[in-house]
PDB file of N, CA and C in Angstrom:
ATOM      1  N   MET A   1     -21.204  27.583 -10.865  1.00  0.00           N
ATOM      2  CA  MET A   1     -20.110  28.059 -10.012  1.00  0.00           C
ATOM      3  C   MET A   1     -18.810  27.353 -10.406  1.00  0.00           C
ATOM      4  N   PRO A   2     -17.885  28.044 -10.991  1.00  0.00           N
ATOM      5  CA  PRO A   2     -16.644  27.367 -11.408  1.00  0.00           C
ATOM      6  C   PRO A   2     -15.750  26.962 -10.242  1.00  0.00           C
ATOM      7  N   GLN A   3     -15.923  27.603  -9.081  1.00  0.00           N
ATOM      8  CA  GLN A   3     -15.058  27.239  -7.952  1.00  0.00           C
ATOM      9  C   GLN A   3     -15.397  25.841  -7.411  1.00  0.00           C
ATOM     10  N   LEU A   4     -16.637  25.400  -7.602  1.00  0.00           N
ATOM     11  CA  LEU A   4     -17.038  24.106  -7.062  1.00  0.00           C
ATOM     12  C   LEU A   4     -16.789  22.952  -8.029  1.00  0.00           C
ATOM     13  N   SER A   5     -16.415  23.249  -9.248  1.00  0.00           N
ATOM     14  CA  SER A   5     -16.250  22.169 -10.227  1.00  0.00           C
ATOM     15  C   SER A   5     -15.074  21.235  -9.914  1.00  0.00           C
ATOM     16  N   PRO A   6     -13.907  21.711  -9.461  1.00  0.00           N
ATOM     17  CA  PRO A   6     -12.810  20.758  -9.201  1.00  0.00           C
ATOM     18  C   PRO A   6     -12.954  19.987  -7.895  1.00  0.00           C
ATOM     19  N   LEU A   7     -13.973  20.295  -7.111  1.00  0.00           N
ATOM     20  CA  LEU A   7     -14.093  19.605  -5.823  1.00  0.00           C
ATOM     21  C   LEU A   7     -14.297  18.092  -5.968  1.00  0.00           C
ATOM     22  N   PRO A   8     -15.160  17.609  -6.844  1.00  0.00           N
ATOM     23  CA  PRO A   8     -15.280  16.142  -6.987  1.00  0.00           C
ATOM     24  C   PRO A   8     -13.979  15.487  -7.421  1.00  0.00           C
ATOM     25  N   TRP A   9     -13.223  16.152  -8.283  1.00  0.00           N
ATOM     26  CA  TRP A   9     -11.942  15.568  -8.711  1.00  0.00           C
ATOM     27  C   TRP A   9     -10.975  15.477  -7.539  1.00  0.00           C
ATOM     28  N   VAL A  10     -10.929  16.540  -6.744  1.00  0.00           N
ATOM     29  CA  VAL A  10     -10.032  16.517  -5.579  1.00  0.00           C
ATOM     30  C   VAL A  10     -10.484  15.449  -4.588  1.00  0.00           C
ATOM     31  N   PHE A  11     -11.785  15.335  -4.392  1.00  0.00           N
ATOM     32  CA  PHE A  11     -12.298  14.337  -3.451  1.00  0.00           C
ATOM     33  C   PHE A  11     -11.988  12.916  -3.934  1.00  0.00           C
ATOM     34  N   SER A  12     -12.211  12.668  -5.222  1.00  0.00           N
ATOM     35  CA  SER A  12     -11.923  11.336  -5.760  1.00  0.00           C
ATOM     36  C   SER A  12     -10.427  11.041  -5.698  1.00  0.00           C
ATOM     37  N   PHE A  13      -9.611  12.043  -5.981  1.00  0.00           N
ATOM     38  CA  PHE A  13      -8.165  11.839  -5.895  1.00  0.00           C
ATOM     39  C   PHE A  13      -7.748  11.517  -4.463  1.00  0.00           C
ATOM     40  N   MET A  14      -8.311  12.224  -3.502  1.00  0.00           N
ATOM     41  CA  MET A  14      -7.984  11.950  -2.103  1.00  0.00           C
ATOM     42  C   MET A  14      -8.447  10.553  -1.695  1.00  0.00           C
ATOM     43  N   MET A  15      -9.612  10.149  -2.161  1.00  0.00           N
ATOM     44  CA  MET A  15     -10.100   8.812  -1.829  1.00  0.00           C
ATOM     45  C   MET A  15      -9.198   7.736  -2.422  1.00  0.00           C
ATOM     46  N   VAL A  16      -8.808   7.922  -3.675  1.00  0.00           N
ATOM     47  CA  VAL A  16      -7.919   6.943  -4.311  1.00  0.00           C
ATOM     48  C   VAL A  16      -6.569   6.926  -3.604  1.00  0.00           C
ATOM     49  N   PHE A  17      -6.067   8.094  -3.249  1.00  0.00           N
ATOM     50  CA  PHE A  17      -4.774   8.159  -2.556  1.00  0.00           C
ATOM     51  C   PHE A  17      -4.848   7.455  -1.205  1.00  0.00           C
ATOM     52  N   MET A  18      -5.916   7.696  -0.458  1.00  0.00           N
ATOM     53  CA  MET A  18      -6.070   7.037   0.837  1.00  0.00           C
ATOM     54  C   MET A  18      -6.217   5.527   0.671  1.00  0.00           C
ATOM     55  N   LEU A  19      -6.930   5.107  -0.342  1.00  0.00           N
ATOM     56  CA  LEU A  19      -7.092   3.673  -0.577  1.00  0.00           C
ATOM     57  C   LEU A  19      -5.750   3.023  -0.897  1.00  0.00           C
ATOM     58  N   ILE A  20      -4.970   3.666  -1.757  1.00  0.00           N
ATOM     59  CA  ILE A  20      -3.660   3.106  -2.116  1.00  0.00           C
ATOM     60  C   ILE A  20      -2.746   3.078  -0.895  1.00  0.00           C
ATOM     61  N   MET A  21      -2.777   4.131  -0.099  1.00  0.00           N
ATOM     62  CA  MET A  21      -1.926   4.160   1.093  1.00  0.00           C
ATOM     63  C   MET A  21      -2.338   3.074   2.080  1.00  0.00           C
ATOM     64  N   SER A  22      -3.629   2.880   2.280  1.00  0.00           N
ATOM     65  CA  SER A  22      -4.081   1.832   3.199  1.00  0.00           C
ATOM     66  C   SER A  22      -3.707   0.449   2.672  1.00  0.00           C
ATOM     67  N   MET A  23      -3.817   0.247   1.362  1.00  0.00           N
ATOM     68  CA  MET A  23      -3.426  -1.042   0.792  1.00  0.00           C
ATOM     69  C   MET A  23      -1.938  -1.279   0.984  1.00  0.00           C
ATOM     70  N   LEU A  24      -1.133  -0.238   0.797  1.00  0.00           N
ATOM     71  CA  LEU A  24       0.311  -0.390   0.991  1.00  0.00           C
ATOM     72  C   LEU A  24       0.634  -0.689   2.451  1.00  0.00           C
ATOM     73  N   ILE A  25      -0.055  -0.036   3.364  1.00  0.00           N
ATOM     74  CA  ILE A  25       0.202  -0.281   4.790  1.00  0.00           C
ATOM     75  C   ILE A  25      -0.192  -1.706   5.157  1.00  0.00           C
ATOM     76  N   ILE A  26      -1.345  -2.158   4.664  1.00  0.00           N
ATOM     77  CA  ILE A  26      -1.787  -3.527   4.960  1.00  0.00           C
ATOM     78  C   ILE A  26      -0.815  -4.536   4.353  1.00  0.00           C
ATOM     79  N   TYR A  27      -0.359  -4.271   3.120  1.00  0.00           N
ATOM     80  CA  TYR A  27       0.596  -5.177   2.482  1.00  0.00           C
ATOM     81  C   TYR A  27       1.905  -5.200   3.252  1.00  0.00           C
ATOM     82  N   PHE A  28       2.356  -4.039   3.734  1.00  0.00           N
ATOM     83  CA  PHE A  28       3.605  -3.980   4.499  1.00  0.00           C
ATOM     84  C   PHE A  28       3.478  -4.766   5.799  1.00  0.00           C
ATOM     85  N   ILE A  29       2.335  -4.621   6.484  1.00  0.00           N
ATOM     86  CA  ILE A  29       2.135  -5.347   7.748  1.00  0.00           C
ATOM     87  C   ILE A  29       2.091  -6.852   7.486  1.00  0.00           C
ATOM     88  N   LYS A  30       1.394  -7.246   6.423  1.00  0.00           N
ATOM     89  CA  LYS A  30       1.329  -8.677   6.111  1.00  0.00           C
ATOM     90  C   LYS A  30       2.706  -9.208   5.739  1.00  0.00           C
ATOM     91  N   PHE A  31       3.467  -8.425   4.984  1.00  0.00           N
ATOM     92  CA  PHE A  31       4.808  -8.859   4.594  1.00  0.00           C
ATOM     93  C   PHE A  31       5.711  -8.971   5.820  1.00  0.00           C
ATOM     94  N   LYS A  32       5.590  -8.047   6.766  1.00  0.00           N
ATOM     95  CA  LYS A  32       6.405  -8.128   7.976  1.00  0.00           C
ATOM     96  C   LYS A  32       6.026  -9.360   8.785  1.00  0.00           C
ATOM     97  N   LYS A  33       4.729  -9.658   8.894  1.00  0.00           N
ATOM     98  CA  LYS A  33       4.316 -10.862   9.616  1.00  0.00           C
ATOM     99  C   LYS A  33       4.839 -12.110   8.910  1.00  0.00           C
ATOM    100  N   MET A  34       4.738 -12.122   7.592  1.00  0.00           N
ATOM    101  CA  MET A  34       5.236 -13.277   6.848  1.00  0.00           C
ATOM    102  C   MET A  34       6.736 -13.431   7.035  1.00  0.00           C
ATOM    103  N   SER A  35       7.468 -12.330   7.022  1.00  0.00           N
ATOM    104  CA  SER A  35       8.916 -12.416   7.189  1.00  0.00           C
ATOM    105  C   SER A  35       9.254 -12.890   8.596  1.00  0.00           C
ATOM    106  N   MET A  36       8.482 -12.469   9.589  1.00  0.00           N
ATOM    107  CA  MET A  36       8.726 -12.950  10.943  1.00  0.00           C
ATOM    108  C   MET A  36       8.427 -14.443  11.041  1.00  0.00           C
ATOM    109  N   LEU A  37       7.435 -14.906  10.296  1.00  0.00           N
ATOM    110  CA  LEU A  37       7.067 -16.318  10.368  1.00  0.00           C
ATOM    111  C   LEU A  37       8.019 -17.188   9.556  1.00  0.00           C
ATOM    112  N   SER A  38       8.457 -16.705   8.402  1.00  0.00           N
ATOM    113  CA  SER A  38       9.272 -17.542   7.506  1.00  0.00           C
ATOM    114  C   SER A  38      10.544 -16.797   7.126  1.00  0.00           C
ATOM    115  N   LYS A  39      11.476 -16.727   8.067  1.00  0.00           N
ATOM    116  CA  LYS A  39      12.746 -16.060   7.775  1.00  0.00           C
ATOM    117  C   LYS A  39      13.650 -16.960   6.946  1.00  0.00           C
ATOM    118  N   SER A  40      13.530 -18.252   7.111  1.00  0.00           N
ATOM    119  CA  SER A  40      14.364 -19.160   6.324  1.00  0.00           C
ATOM    120  C   SER A  40      14.015 -19.065   4.846  1.00  0.00           C
ATOM    121  N   LEU A  41      12.722 -18.940   4.531  1.00  0.00           N
ATOM    122  CA  LEU A  41      12.317 -18.810   3.129  1.00  0.00           C
ATOM    123  C   LEU A  41      12.879 -17.527   2.535  1.00  0.00           C
ATOM    124  N   ILE A  42      12.843 -16.441   3.289  1.00  0.00           N
ATOM    125  CA  ILE A  42      13.392 -15.177   2.784  1.00  0.00           C
ATOM    126  C   ILE A  42      14.906 -15.294   2.632  1.00  0.00           C
ATOM    127  N   LYS A  43      15.553 -16.002   3.537  1.00  0.00           N
ATOM    128  CA  LYS A  43      16.998 -16.200   3.386  1.00  0.00           C
ATOM    129  C   LYS A  43      17.288 -17.004   2.128  1.00  0.00           C
ATOM    130  N   MET A  44      16.490 -18.043   1.876  1.00  0.00           N
ATOM    131  CA  MET A  44      16.694 -18.824   0.657  1.00  0.00           C
ATOM    132  C   MET A  44      16.447 -17.967  -0.575  1.00  0.00           C
ATOM    133  N   MET A  45      15.400 -17.140  -0.547  1.00  0.00           N
ATOM    134  CA  MET A  45      15.115 -16.284  -1.692  1.00  0.00           C
ATOM    135  C   MET A  45      16.243 -15.283  -1.911  1.00  0.00           C
ATOM    136  N   SER A  46      16.748 -14.688  -0.835  1.00  0.00           N
ATOM    137  CA  SER A  46      17.857 -13.742  -0.991  1.00  0.00           C
ATOM    138  C   SER A  46      19.102 -14.471  -1.489  1.00  0.00           C
ATOM    139  N   TRP A  47      19.299 -15.726  -1.053  1.00  0.00           N
ATOM    140  CA  TRP A  47      20.457 -16.475  -1.531  1.00  0.00           C
ATOM    141  C   TRP A  47      20.306 -16.791  -3.018  1.00  0.00           C
ATOM    142  N   CYS A  48      19.078 -17.146  -3.440  1.00  0.00           N
ATOM    143  CA  CYS A  48      18.856 -17.428  -4.865  1.00  0.00           C
ATOM    144  C   CYS A  48      19.047 -16.161  -5.693  1.00  0.00           C
ATOM    145  N   TRP A  49      18.569 -15.011  -5.198  1.00  0.00           N
ATOM    146  CA  TRP A  49      18.742 -13.783  -5.958  1.00  0.00           C
ATOM    147  C   TRP A  49      20.201 -13.351  -5.915  1.00  0.00           C
TER     148      TRP A  49
END
């Protein structure tokens, strides 16, 4: 059945996309917590840059 052949590719692509999105969301939340905890460090980094 040729109609069923692209289904695993679509499923794997969706899984990879969801994994990347969840990793980005977790990284964003961790970065926001870190920025709330250490605003002086971020100010120093922005001043250095």
